[in-house]
Amino acid sequence: MKFISALLTLCILLLSSTTAVSATPVPEPLPSPLPPSGVTVAPNDAPRIQLTKVELYTYWNFQGAKMIREFEKMDDSGCQTLRKEFRRLTMSYKVSNGCCTFFEDDSCAAKMFTAKSREDG
């Protein structure tokens, strides 16, 4: 009788450990980046901010130290000044997607140059 009781206990332990192993959760599949078939996705109508990009160089042919500035494109670029080390050393520049007028000082009294989507090197 003790033998049968021990055998039953052993069987129960084996079954419970087998059940625990087989009860390991299966990970859910990752969601698809594509919409389900038959679903149309509207384009994003949010306006994008357009940037004006300015690259200034201390040597001709776009060589030497380089300073890059980007700012939101606008009809009037306002008073744009340069870092002091670039105020008298700019020899070539590239301006893309807009217009910029640069001045020699913070009071915007002495105009340096105006460029609209062009480069000069």
N, C-alpha and C. Protein backbone atom coordinates (compact mmCIF):
# COMPACT_ATOMS: atom_id res chain seq x y z
N MET A 1 0.81 -1.18 0.00
CA MET A 1 0.00 0.00 0.00
C MET A 1 0.87 1.26 0.00
N LYS A 2 1.92 1.24 0.84
CA LYS A 2 2.82 2.38 0.86
C LYS A 2 3.49 2.57 -0.50
N PHE A 3 3.77 1.46 -1.17
CA PHE A 3 4.39 1.52 -2.49
C PHE A 3 3.47 2.22 -3.48
N ILE A 4 2.19 1.87 -3.48
CA ILE A 4 1.22 2.48 -4.40
C ILE A 4 1.05 3.96 -4.07
N SER A 5 1.03 4.29 -2.80
CA SER A 5 0.90 5.68 -2.39
C SER A 5 2.12 6.49 -2.84
N ALA A 6 3.30 5.92 -2.68
CA ALA A 6 4.51 6.60 -3.12
C ALA A 6 4.53 6.74 -4.63
N LEU A 7 4.06 5.72 -5.35
CA LEU A 7 4.00 5.76 -6.81
C LEU A 7 3.03 6.83 -7.28
N LEU A 8 1.87 6.93 -6.63
CA LEU A 8 0.90 7.97 -6.98
C LEU A 8 1.46 9.37 -6.72
N THR A 9 2.14 9.55 -5.61
CA THR A 9 2.75 10.84 -5.29
C THR A 9 3.79 11.20 -6.35
N LEU A 10 4.58 10.23 -6.75
CA LEU A 10 5.59 10.47 -7.78
C LEU A 10 4.94 10.84 -9.11
N CYS A 11 3.86 10.16 -9.48
CA CYS A 11 3.15 10.47 -10.73
C CYS A 11 2.56 11.88 -10.68
N ILE A 12 2.00 12.24 -9.54
CA ILE A 12 1.42 13.59 -9.41
C ILE A 12 2.51 14.65 -9.53
N LEU A 13 3.65 14.42 -8.89
CA LEU A 13 4.77 15.37 -9.01
C LEU A 13 5.25 15.49 -10.44
N LEU A 14 5.37 14.38 -11.13
CA LEU A 14 5.81 14.41 -12.53
C LEU A 14 4.81 15.15 -13.40
N LEU A 15 3.54 14.88 -13.21
CA LEU A 15 2.52 15.56 -14.01
C LEU A 15 2.48 17.05 -13.73
N SER A 16 2.62 17.43 -12.47
CA SER A 16 2.57 18.85 -12.14
C SER A 16 3.79 19.58 -12.70
N SER A 17 4.96 18.95 -12.69
CA SER A 17 6.14 19.60 -13.26
C SER A 17 6.05 19.65 -14.78
N THR A 18 5.45 18.66 -15.41
CA THR A 18 5.25 18.66 -16.85
C THR A 18 4.27 19.74 -17.24
N THR A 19 3.23 19.89 -16.44
CA THR A 19 2.23 20.92 -16.72
C THR A 19 2.85 22.30 -16.60
N ALA A 20 3.71 22.48 -15.60
CA ALA A 20 4.34 23.78 -15.42
C ALA A 20 5.22 24.13 -16.61
N VAL A 21 5.91 23.14 -17.16
CA VAL A 21 6.77 23.39 -18.31
C VAL A 21 5.93 23.70 -19.54
N SER A 22 4.84 22.97 -19.73
CA SER A 22 4.04 23.18 -20.92
C SER A 22 3.16 24.43 -20.80
N ALA A 23 3.07 25.01 -19.59
CA ALA A 23 2.26 26.20 -19.40
C ALA A 23 3.07 27.48 -19.60
N THR A 24 4.28 27.38 -20.13
CA THR A 24 5.09 28.56 -20.39
C THR A 24 4.36 29.43 -21.42
N PRO A 25 4.19 30.74 -21.12
CA PRO A 25 3.43 31.59 -22.05
C PRO A 25 4.15 31.75 -23.38
N VAL A 26 3.38 31.76 -24.43
CA VAL A 26 3.90 31.97 -25.78
C VAL A 26 3.79 33.46 -26.09
N PRO A 27 4.88 34.10 -26.52
CA PRO A 27 4.79 35.54 -26.80
C PRO A 27 3.83 35.82 -27.94
N GLU A 28 3.14 36.96 -27.81
CA GLU A 28 2.20 37.36 -28.85
C GLU A 28 2.98 37.86 -30.06
N PRO A 29 2.46 37.67 -31.26
CA PRO A 29 3.17 38.17 -32.45
C PRO A 29 3.21 39.69 -32.44
N LEU A 30 4.28 40.25 -32.99
CA LEU A 30 4.43 41.70 -33.08
C LEU A 30 3.41 42.26 -34.05
N PRO A 31 2.91 43.47 -33.78
CA PRO A 31 1.95 44.07 -34.71
C PRO A 31 2.62 44.40 -36.04
N SER A 32 1.88 44.28 -37.09
CA SER A 32 2.40 44.57 -38.43
C SER A 32 2.46 46.08 -38.64
N PRO A 33 3.53 46.60 -39.28
CA PRO A 33 3.59 48.04 -39.55
C PRO A 33 2.62 48.45 -40.66
N LEU A 34 2.10 47.49 -41.39
CA LEU A 34 1.18 47.79 -42.48
C LEU A 34 -0.26 47.70 -41.99
N PRO A 35 -1.15 48.53 -42.52
CA PRO A 35 -2.55 48.43 -42.12
C PRO A 35 -3.16 47.15 -42.68
N PRO A 36 -4.24 46.65 -42.06
CA PRO A 36 -4.89 45.45 -42.59
C PRO A 36 -5.39 45.70 -44.01
N SER A 37 -5.54 44.63 -44.78
CA SER A 37 -5.98 44.80 -46.16
C SER A 37 -7.37 45.44 -46.19
N GLY A 38 -7.58 46.30 -47.15
CA GLY A 38 -8.86 46.99 -47.28
C GLY A 38 -8.92 48.30 -46.51
N VAL A 39 -7.90 48.61 -45.71
CA VAL A 39 -7.88 49.85 -44.94
C VAL A 39 -6.98 50.84 -45.65
N THR A 40 -7.47 52.05 -45.89
CA THR A 40 -6.65 53.09 -46.51
C THR A 40 -6.20 54.06 -45.44
N VAL A 41 -4.99 54.52 -45.57
CA VAL A 41 -4.41 55.45 -44.61
C VAL A 41 -4.25 56.79 -45.29
N ALA A 42 -4.81 57.84 -44.66
CA ALA A 42 -4.71 59.19 -45.22
C ALA A 42 -3.32 59.74 -44.96
N PRO A 43 -2.79 60.56 -45.88
CA PRO A 43 -1.47 61.16 -45.66
C PRO A 43 -1.53 62.15 -44.50
N ASN A 44 -0.39 62.38 -43.90
CA ASN A 44 -0.30 63.34 -42.81
C ASN A 44 -0.40 64.74 -43.40
N ASP A 45 -1.47 65.45 -43.05
CA ASP A 45 -1.70 66.78 -43.60
C ASP A 45 -1.05 67.88 -42.77
N ALA A 46 -0.34 67.53 -41.72
CA ALA A 46 0.28 68.55 -40.88
C ALA A 46 1.38 69.25 -41.68
N PRO A 47 1.39 70.59 -41.66
CA PRO A 47 2.43 71.31 -42.41
C PRO A 47 3.80 71.08 -41.78
N ARG A 48 4.80 70.98 -42.62
CA ARG A 48 6.16 70.79 -42.13
C ARG A 48 6.86 72.14 -42.08
N ILE A 49 7.69 72.30 -41.09
CA ILE A 49 8.45 73.55 -40.97
C ILE A 49 9.58 73.50 -41.99
N GLN A 50 9.66 74.53 -42.81
CA GLN A 50 10.74 74.61 -43.78
C GLN A 50 11.89 75.40 -43.16
N LEU A 51 13.09 74.89 -43.36
CA LEU A 51 14.26 75.52 -42.77
C LEU A 51 15.13 76.15 -43.85
N THR A 52 15.66 77.31 -43.52
CA THR A 52 16.68 77.95 -44.34
C THR A 52 18.02 77.54 -43.74
N LYS A 53 18.93 77.11 -44.61
CA LYS A 53 20.24 76.64 -44.13
C LYS A 53 21.32 77.55 -44.68
N VAL A 54 22.23 77.96 -43.80
CA VAL A 54 23.34 78.83 -44.18
C VAL A 54 24.64 78.16 -43.74
N GLU A 55 25.58 78.05 -44.69
CA GLU A 55 26.91 77.52 -44.39
C GLU A 55 27.92 78.61 -44.71
N LEU A 56 28.75 78.95 -43.75
CA LEU A 56 29.78 79.97 -43.94
C LEU A 56 31.16 79.33 -43.78
N TYR A 57 32.11 79.77 -44.62
CA TYR A 57 33.46 79.19 -44.61
C TYR A 57 34.48 80.32 -44.51
N THR A 58 35.61 80.03 -43.86
CA THR A 58 36.65 81.04 -43.69
C THR A 58 37.64 81.10 -44.85
N TYR A 59 37.52 80.18 -45.83
CA TYR A 59 38.37 80.21 -47.02
C TYR A 59 37.51 80.09 -48.27
N TRP A 60 38.10 80.45 -49.41
CA TRP A 60 37.41 80.31 -50.69
C TRP A 60 37.15 78.84 -50.99
N ASN A 61 36.26 78.59 -51.92
CA ASN A 61 35.90 77.24 -52.37
C ASN A 61 35.38 76.35 -51.24
N PHE A 62 34.68 76.98 -50.29
CA PHE A 62 34.00 76.25 -49.22
C PHE A 62 34.97 75.41 -48.39
N GLN A 63 36.12 75.99 -48.08
CA GLN A 63 37.15 75.33 -47.28
C GLN A 63 37.33 76.10 -45.97
N GLY A 64 38.09 75.51 -45.07
CA GLY A 64 38.41 76.15 -43.79
C GLY A 64 37.35 75.89 -42.74
N ALA A 65 37.37 76.71 -41.71
CA ALA A 65 36.39 76.57 -40.63
C ALA A 65 34.99 76.79 -41.19
N LYS A 66 34.05 76.05 -40.66
CA LYS A 66 32.69 76.10 -41.20
C LYS A 66 31.72 76.37 -40.06
N MET A 67 30.75 77.23 -40.34
CA MET A 67 29.67 77.49 -39.40
C MET A 67 28.36 77.23 -40.12
N ILE A 68 27.50 76.44 -39.52
CA ILE A 68 26.20 76.13 -40.13
C ILE A 68 25.11 76.67 -39.22
N ARG A 69 24.16 77.36 -39.83
CA ARG A 69 22.99 77.86 -39.09
C ARG A 69 21.75 77.43 -39.84
N GLU A 70 20.74 77.03 -39.10
CA GLU A 70 19.44 76.71 -39.68
C GLU A 70 18.38 77.43 -38.87
N PHE A 71 17.41 78.00 -39.56
CA PHE A 71 16.31 78.65 -38.87
C PHE A 71 15.08 78.55 -39.74
N GLU A 72 13.93 78.77 -39.12
CA GLU A 72 12.67 78.63 -39.83
C GLU A 72 12.60 79.63 -40.97
N LYS A 73 12.19 79.14 -42.14
CA LYS A 73 12.10 79.98 -43.32
C LYS A 73 11.02 81.04 -43.11
N MET A 74 11.37 82.28 -43.48
CA MET A 74 10.42 83.39 -43.38
C MET A 74 10.67 84.36 -44.51
N ASP A 75 9.68 85.21 -44.78
CA ASP A 75 9.84 86.18 -45.87
C ASP A 75 10.95 87.18 -45.56
N ASP A 76 10.99 87.67 -44.34
CA ASP A 76 12.03 88.61 -43.93
C ASP A 76 12.88 87.90 -42.88
N SER A 77 14.14 87.70 -43.18
CA SER A 77 15.00 86.94 -42.26
C SER A 77 15.36 87.73 -41.02
N GLY A 78 14.99 88.99 -40.96
CA GLY A 78 15.28 89.79 -39.78
C GLY A 78 16.76 90.10 -39.68
N CYS A 79 17.19 90.43 -38.49
CA CYS A 79 18.58 90.78 -38.24
C CYS A 79 19.36 89.53 -37.90
N GLN A 80 20.12 89.01 -38.82
CA GLN A 80 20.95 87.83 -38.60
C GLN A 80 22.39 88.30 -38.43
N THR A 81 22.98 87.97 -37.29
CA THR A 81 24.37 88.34 -37.07
C THR A 81 25.21 87.07 -36.99
N LEU A 82 26.50 87.25 -37.16
CA LEU A 82 27.43 86.12 -37.14
C LEU A 82 28.24 86.12 -35.85
N ARG A 83 28.78 84.95 -35.52
CA ARG A 83 29.72 84.90 -34.40
C ARG A 83 30.90 85.80 -34.75
N LYS A 84 31.51 86.38 -33.74
CA LYS A 84 32.58 87.36 -33.97
C LYS A 84 33.69 86.83 -34.85
N GLU A 85 34.08 85.57 -34.68
CA GLU A 85 35.19 85.04 -35.49
C GLU A 85 34.83 84.90 -36.96
N PHE A 86 33.54 84.93 -37.30
CA PHE A 86 33.13 84.81 -38.70
C PHE A 86 32.77 86.16 -39.31
N ARG A 87 32.69 87.20 -38.54
CA ARG A 87 32.23 88.50 -39.07
C ARG A 87 33.19 89.06 -40.11
N ARG A 88 34.47 88.91 -39.94
CA ARG A 88 35.43 89.47 -40.90
C ARG A 88 36.16 88.38 -41.68
N LEU A 89 35.88 87.11 -41.38
CA LEU A 89 36.63 86.02 -42.01
C LEU A 89 35.83 85.22 -43.02
N THR A 90 34.57 85.50 -43.22
CA THR A 90 33.76 84.72 -44.16
C THR A 90 34.21 85.02 -45.59
N MET A 91 34.67 83.97 -46.29
CA MET A 91 35.14 84.13 -47.67
C MET A 91 34.22 83.44 -48.68
N SER A 92 33.49 82.42 -48.25
CA SER A 92 32.55 81.74 -49.14
C SER A 92 31.35 81.30 -48.31
N TYR A 93 30.22 81.14 -49.00
CA TYR A 93 28.99 80.76 -48.30
C TYR A 93 28.04 80.02 -49.21
N LYS A 94 27.12 79.28 -48.59
CA LYS A 94 26.04 78.59 -49.29
C LYS A 94 24.75 78.88 -48.52
N VAL A 95 23.72 79.31 -49.23
CA VAL A 95 22.42 79.55 -48.62
C VAL A 95 21.41 78.71 -49.39
N SER A 96 20.63 77.89 -48.69
CA SER A 96 19.63 77.07 -49.35
C SER A 96 18.26 77.28 -48.72
N ASN A 97 17.25 77.26 -49.58
CA ASN A 97 15.85 77.36 -49.18
C ASN A 97 15.51 78.66 -48.48
N GLY A 98 15.89 79.76 -49.08
CA GLY A 98 15.44 81.01 -48.49
C GLY A 98 16.38 82.17 -48.70
N CYS A 99 16.09 83.20 -47.96
CA CYS A 99 16.81 84.46 -48.09
C CYS A 99 17.40 84.87 -46.75
N CYS A 100 18.57 85.37 -46.79
CA CYS A 100 19.22 85.82 -45.56
C CYS A 100 19.98 87.11 -45.81
N THR A 101 19.84 88.03 -44.91
CA THR A 101 20.67 89.22 -44.91
C THR A 101 21.47 89.19 -43.62
N PHE A 102 22.79 89.25 -43.75
CA PHE A 102 23.66 89.20 -42.58
C PHE A 102 24.30 90.55 -42.35
N PHE A 103 24.49 90.86 -41.08
CA PHE A 103 25.04 92.14 -40.65
C PHE A 103 26.30 91.91 -39.83
N GLU A 104 27.17 92.94 -39.82
CA GLU A 104 28.45 92.83 -39.11
C GLU A 104 28.33 92.94 -37.60
N ASP A 105 27.29 93.60 -37.13
CA ASP A 105 27.19 93.82 -35.69
C ASP A 105 25.78 93.49 -35.19
N ASP A 106 25.64 93.46 -33.88
CA ASP A 106 24.36 93.10 -33.28
C ASP A 106 23.28 94.17 -33.46
N SER A 107 23.67 95.39 -33.78
CA SER A 107 22.67 96.45 -33.98
C SER A 107 22.13 96.46 -35.41
N CYS A 108 22.66 95.61 -36.27
CA CYS A 108 22.23 95.48 -37.67
C CYS A 108 22.38 96.79 -38.44
N ALA A 109 23.45 97.51 -38.16
CA ALA A 109 23.70 98.77 -38.86
C ALA A 109 24.57 98.57 -40.10
N ALA A 110 25.53 97.67 -40.04
CA ALA A 110 26.45 97.46 -41.16
C ALA A 110 26.13 96.14 -41.85
N LYS A 111 25.55 96.25 -43.05
CA LYS A 111 25.14 95.07 -43.81
C LYS A 111 26.36 94.38 -44.41
N MET A 112 26.42 93.05 -44.29
CA MET A 112 27.52 92.28 -44.88
C MET A 112 27.13 91.77 -46.27
N PHE A 113 26.08 90.94 -46.34
CA PHE A 113 25.65 90.42 -47.63
C PHE A 113 24.22 89.90 -47.52
N THR A 114 23.58 89.80 -48.70
CA THR A 114 22.25 89.19 -48.81
C THR A 114 22.35 88.09 -49.84
N ALA A 115 21.78 86.95 -49.54
CA ALA A 115 21.82 85.83 -50.48
C ALA A 115 20.49 85.10 -50.42
N LYS A 116 20.01 84.68 -51.58
CA LYS A 116 18.77 83.91 -51.63
C LYS A 116 19.04 82.63 -52.41
N SER A 117 19.04 81.51 -51.69
CA SER A 117 19.23 80.18 -52.29
C SER A 117 20.36 80.18 -53.32
N ARG A 118 21.55 80.56 -52.88
CA ARG A 118 22.70 80.60 -53.79
C ARG A 118 23.97 80.31 -53.02
N GLU A 119 25.04 80.17 -53.75
CA GLU A 119 26.34 79.98 -53.12
C GLU A 119 27.36 80.83 -53.85
N ASP A 120 28.37 81.24 -53.12
CA ASP A 120 29.44 82.04 -53.68
C ASP A 120 30.72 81.58 -53.01
N GLY A 121 31.64 81.10 -53.81
CA GLY A 121 32.85 80.53 -53.20
C GLY A 121 34.07 80.98 -53.88
